[in-house]
N, C-alpha and C. Protein backbone atom coordinates (compact mmCIF):
# COMPACT_ATOMS: atom_id res chain seq x y z
N UNK A 1 40.94 10.44 -69.93
CA UNK A 1 41.29 11.16 -68.72
C UNK A 1 42.62 10.65 -68.20
N UNK A 2 43.38 11.56 -67.66
CA UNK A 2 44.69 11.25 -67.07
C UNK A 2 44.51 10.29 -65.89
N UNK A 3 45.49 9.44 -65.68
CA UNK A 3 45.47 8.52 -64.55
C UNK A 3 46.16 9.20 -63.36
N UNK A 4 45.41 9.42 -62.29
CA UNK A 4 45.92 10.12 -61.11
C UNK A 4 46.33 9.15 -60.00
N UNK A 5 46.26 7.85 -60.27
CA UNK A 5 46.48 6.84 -59.25
C UNK A 5 47.84 6.97 -58.57
N UNK A 6 48.90 7.22 -59.34
CA UNK A 6 50.26 7.26 -58.78
C UNK A 6 50.62 8.61 -58.17
N UNK A 7 49.82 9.64 -58.42
CA UNK A 7 50.15 10.98 -57.92
C UNK A 7 49.73 11.15 -56.46
N UNK A 8 50.49 11.93 -55.69
CA UNK A 8 50.05 12.24 -54.32
C UNK A 8 48.82 13.13 -54.40
N UNK A 9 47.77 12.77 -53.67
CA UNK A 9 46.50 13.48 -53.81
C UNK A 9 45.66 13.37 -52.55
N UNK A 10 44.65 14.21 -52.51
CA UNK A 10 43.60 14.09 -51.51
C UNK A 10 42.29 14.01 -52.27
N UNK A 11 41.35 13.25 -51.73
CA UNK A 11 40.07 13.03 -52.39
C UNK A 11 38.95 13.54 -51.49
N UNK A 12 38.03 14.27 -52.09
CA UNK A 12 36.87 14.75 -51.35
C UNK A 12 36.94 16.24 -51.05
N UNK A 13 35.78 16.81 -50.79
CA UNK A 13 35.67 18.25 -50.58
C UNK A 13 36.44 18.72 -49.34
N UNK A 14 36.22 18.09 -48.19
CA UNK A 14 36.84 18.56 -46.95
C UNK A 14 38.36 18.54 -47.04
N UNK A 15 38.92 17.42 -47.49
CA UNK A 15 40.37 17.30 -47.57
C UNK A 15 40.97 18.24 -48.60
N UNK A 16 40.27 18.41 -49.71
CA UNK A 16 40.77 19.31 -50.75
C UNK A 16 40.76 20.75 -50.26
N UNK A 17 39.67 21.19 -49.64
CA UNK A 17 39.61 22.56 -49.13
C UNK A 17 40.64 22.81 -48.04
N UNK A 18 40.80 21.84 -47.13
CA UNK A 18 41.78 21.97 -46.05
C UNK A 18 43.19 22.13 -46.61
N UNK A 19 43.54 21.32 -47.58
CA UNK A 19 44.88 21.37 -48.17
C UNK A 19 45.06 22.57 -49.08
N UNK A 20 43.99 23.04 -49.71
CA UNK A 20 44.07 24.28 -50.50
C UNK A 20 44.43 25.45 -49.59
N UNK A 21 43.72 25.55 -48.48
CA UNK A 21 43.97 26.66 -47.56
C UNK A 21 45.36 26.61 -46.95
N UNK A 22 45.93 25.41 -46.85
CA UNK A 22 47.27 25.24 -46.31
C UNK A 22 48.35 25.42 -47.38
N UNK A 23 47.94 25.61 -48.63
CA UNK A 23 48.90 25.84 -49.71
C UNK A 23 49.60 24.59 -50.21
N UNK A 24 48.98 23.43 -49.99
CA UNK A 24 49.62 22.16 -50.37
C UNK A 24 49.11 21.58 -51.70
N UNK A 25 48.19 22.27 -52.36
CA UNK A 25 47.59 21.74 -53.59
C UNK A 25 48.22 22.41 -54.81
N UNK A 26 48.59 21.58 -55.79
CA UNK A 26 49.16 22.05 -57.05
C UNK A 26 48.07 22.34 -58.08
N UNK A 27 47.06 21.47 -58.13
CA UNK A 27 45.93 21.65 -59.03
C UNK A 27 44.76 20.83 -58.51
N UNK A 28 43.56 21.19 -59.00
CA UNK A 28 42.34 20.53 -58.56
C UNK A 28 41.62 19.98 -59.78
N UNK A 29 41.04 18.78 -59.63
CA UNK A 29 40.21 18.20 -60.66
C UNK A 29 38.81 18.11 -60.09
N UNK A 30 37.87 18.70 -60.81
CA UNK A 30 36.49 18.82 -60.36
C UNK A 30 35.58 18.08 -61.34
N UNK A 31 34.76 17.18 -60.85
CA UNK A 31 33.84 16.43 -61.70
C UNK A 31 32.71 17.35 -62.17
N UNK A 32 32.40 17.25 -63.46
CA UNK A 32 31.37 18.11 -64.06
C UNK A 32 29.99 17.88 -63.46
N UNK A 33 29.73 16.68 -62.95
CA UNK A 33 28.40 16.40 -62.40
C UNK A 33 28.34 16.57 -60.87
N UNK A 34 29.29 17.30 -60.32
CA UNK A 34 29.26 17.60 -58.88
C UNK A 34 28.12 18.54 -58.56
N UNK A 35 27.69 18.52 -57.30
CA UNK A 35 26.64 19.43 -56.85
C UNK A 35 27.12 20.87 -56.98
N UNK A 36 26.20 21.77 -57.25
CA UNK A 36 26.53 23.18 -57.46
C UNK A 36 27.28 23.79 -56.29
N UNK A 37 26.89 23.46 -55.06
CA UNK A 37 27.56 24.06 -53.90
C UNK A 37 29.02 23.60 -53.81
N UNK A 38 29.30 22.38 -54.22
CA UNK A 38 30.68 21.89 -54.24
C UNK A 38 31.49 22.64 -55.28
N UNK A 39 30.92 22.79 -56.46
CA UNK A 39 31.60 23.50 -57.54
C UNK A 39 31.93 24.93 -57.12
N UNK A 40 30.98 25.62 -56.52
CA UNK A 40 31.20 27.00 -56.09
C UNK A 40 32.25 27.10 -54.99
N UNK A 41 32.18 26.21 -54.00
CA UNK A 41 33.17 26.21 -52.90
C UNK A 41 34.58 26.01 -53.44
N UNK A 42 34.73 25.03 -54.32
CA UNK A 42 36.05 24.70 -54.85
C UNK A 42 36.57 25.82 -55.74
N UNK A 43 35.72 26.35 -56.60
CA UNK A 43 36.14 27.44 -57.49
C UNK A 43 36.59 28.66 -56.67
N UNK A 44 35.84 28.98 -55.62
CA UNK A 44 36.19 30.13 -54.78
C UNK A 44 37.54 29.91 -54.10
N UNK A 45 37.75 28.74 -53.53
CA UNK A 45 39.01 28.45 -52.84
C UNK A 45 40.19 28.43 -53.80
N UNK A 46 39.98 27.88 -54.99
CA UNK A 46 41.06 27.83 -55.99
C UNK A 46 41.41 29.23 -56.47
N UNK A 47 40.42 30.07 -56.64
CA UNK A 47 40.67 31.45 -57.06
C UNK A 47 41.48 32.19 -56.00
N UNK A 48 41.12 32.02 -54.74
CA UNK A 48 41.84 32.66 -53.64
C UNK A 48 43.30 32.21 -53.56
N UNK A 49 43.55 30.95 -53.89
CA UNK A 49 44.91 30.39 -53.79
C UNK A 49 45.65 30.36 -55.13
N UNK A 50 45.01 30.85 -56.19
CA UNK A 50 45.59 30.82 -57.55
C UNK A 50 45.98 29.41 -57.99
N UNK A 51 45.08 28.48 -57.76
CA UNK A 51 45.30 27.08 -58.13
C UNK A 51 44.43 26.75 -59.33
N UNK A 52 45.02 26.17 -60.38
CA UNK A 52 44.23 25.83 -61.57
C UNK A 52 43.25 24.69 -61.32
N UNK A 53 42.14 24.72 -62.06
CA UNK A 53 41.10 23.70 -61.97
C UNK A 53 40.99 23.01 -63.32
N UNK A 54 41.00 21.69 -63.29
CA UNK A 54 40.72 20.89 -64.48
C UNK A 54 39.36 20.23 -64.27
N UNK A 55 38.75 19.81 -65.35
CA UNK A 55 37.43 19.20 -65.27
C UNK A 55 37.48 17.73 -65.65
N UNK A 56 36.70 16.93 -64.94
CA UNK A 56 36.53 15.52 -65.26
C UNK A 56 35.09 15.33 -65.74
N UNK A 57 34.87 14.37 -66.59
CA UNK A 57 33.53 14.18 -67.17
C UNK A 57 32.47 13.79 -66.15
N UNK A 58 32.88 13.03 -65.12
CA UNK A 58 31.91 12.60 -64.10
C UNK A 58 32.62 12.22 -62.81
N UNK A 59 31.84 12.13 -61.74
CA UNK A 59 32.39 11.72 -60.44
C UNK A 59 32.90 10.28 -60.51
N UNK A 60 32.15 9.43 -61.20
CA UNK A 60 32.54 8.03 -61.34
C UNK A 60 33.88 7.91 -62.07
N UNK A 61 34.02 8.65 -63.19
CA UNK A 61 35.27 8.62 -63.98
C UNK A 61 36.44 9.17 -63.17
N UNK A 62 36.21 10.20 -62.37
CA UNK A 62 37.27 10.78 -61.56
C UNK A 62 37.72 9.79 -60.48
N UNK A 63 36.78 9.13 -59.85
CA UNK A 63 37.12 8.11 -58.86
C UNK A 63 37.95 7.00 -59.47
N UNK A 64 37.54 6.55 -60.63
CA UNK A 64 38.27 5.49 -61.33
C UNK A 64 39.68 5.93 -61.69
N UNK A 65 39.83 7.18 -62.15
CA UNK A 65 41.15 7.72 -62.52
C UNK A 65 42.07 7.82 -61.31
N UNK A 66 41.48 7.88 -60.11
CA UNK A 66 42.26 7.97 -58.87
C UNK A 66 42.51 6.60 -58.26
N UNK A 67 41.97 5.56 -58.89
CA UNK A 67 42.19 4.21 -58.40
C UNK A 67 41.33 3.85 -57.21
N UNK A 68 40.19 4.52 -57.06
CA UNK A 68 39.28 4.18 -55.96
C UNK A 68 37.98 3.65 -56.54
N UNK A 69 37.28 2.87 -55.74
CA UNK A 69 36.05 2.23 -56.18
C UNK A 69 34.81 3.12 -56.05
N UNK A 70 34.99 4.33 -55.52
CA UNK A 70 33.86 5.22 -55.28
C UNK A 70 33.93 6.42 -56.21
N UNK A 71 32.81 7.08 -56.36
CA UNK A 71 32.77 8.32 -57.12
C UNK A 71 33.48 9.42 -56.31
N UNK A 72 34.11 10.35 -57.02
CA UNK A 72 34.82 11.45 -56.35
C UNK A 72 34.42 12.76 -57.03
N UNK A 73 33.88 13.69 -56.26
CA UNK A 73 33.47 14.97 -56.81
C UNK A 73 34.65 15.88 -57.06
N UNK A 74 35.65 15.80 -56.20
CA UNK A 74 36.81 16.68 -56.31
C UNK A 74 38.06 15.98 -55.80
N UNK A 75 39.17 16.23 -56.49
CA UNK A 75 40.46 15.67 -56.10
C UNK A 75 41.49 16.78 -56.14
N UNK A 76 42.32 16.85 -55.13
CA UNK A 76 43.41 17.82 -55.09
C UNK A 76 44.74 17.11 -55.29
N UNK A 77 45.49 17.51 -56.31
CA UNK A 77 46.81 16.95 -56.55
C UNK A 77 47.81 17.75 -55.71
N UNK A 78 48.53 17.04 -54.84
CA UNK A 78 49.45 17.70 -53.92
C UNK A 78 50.74 18.12 -54.61
N UNK A 79 51.36 19.15 -54.06
CA UNK A 79 52.64 19.65 -54.60
C UNK A 79 53.75 18.66 -54.34
């Protein structure tokens, strides 16, 4: 998995959705083991904003790739 630690980003559903709606997200990384409601919310918002979605193998792996000690269901890479 790509290392997202150095990239400008937001972590978590609320921050990602807020920044998606504001047009500040370049792409989204969504953990495959996220809850269904999170996956649906993120996919819907990305479709509305024409933002590509990449997949991560797990929340734990995504958190690690972002340089945080916690699991992350979704990460938004900022423009």
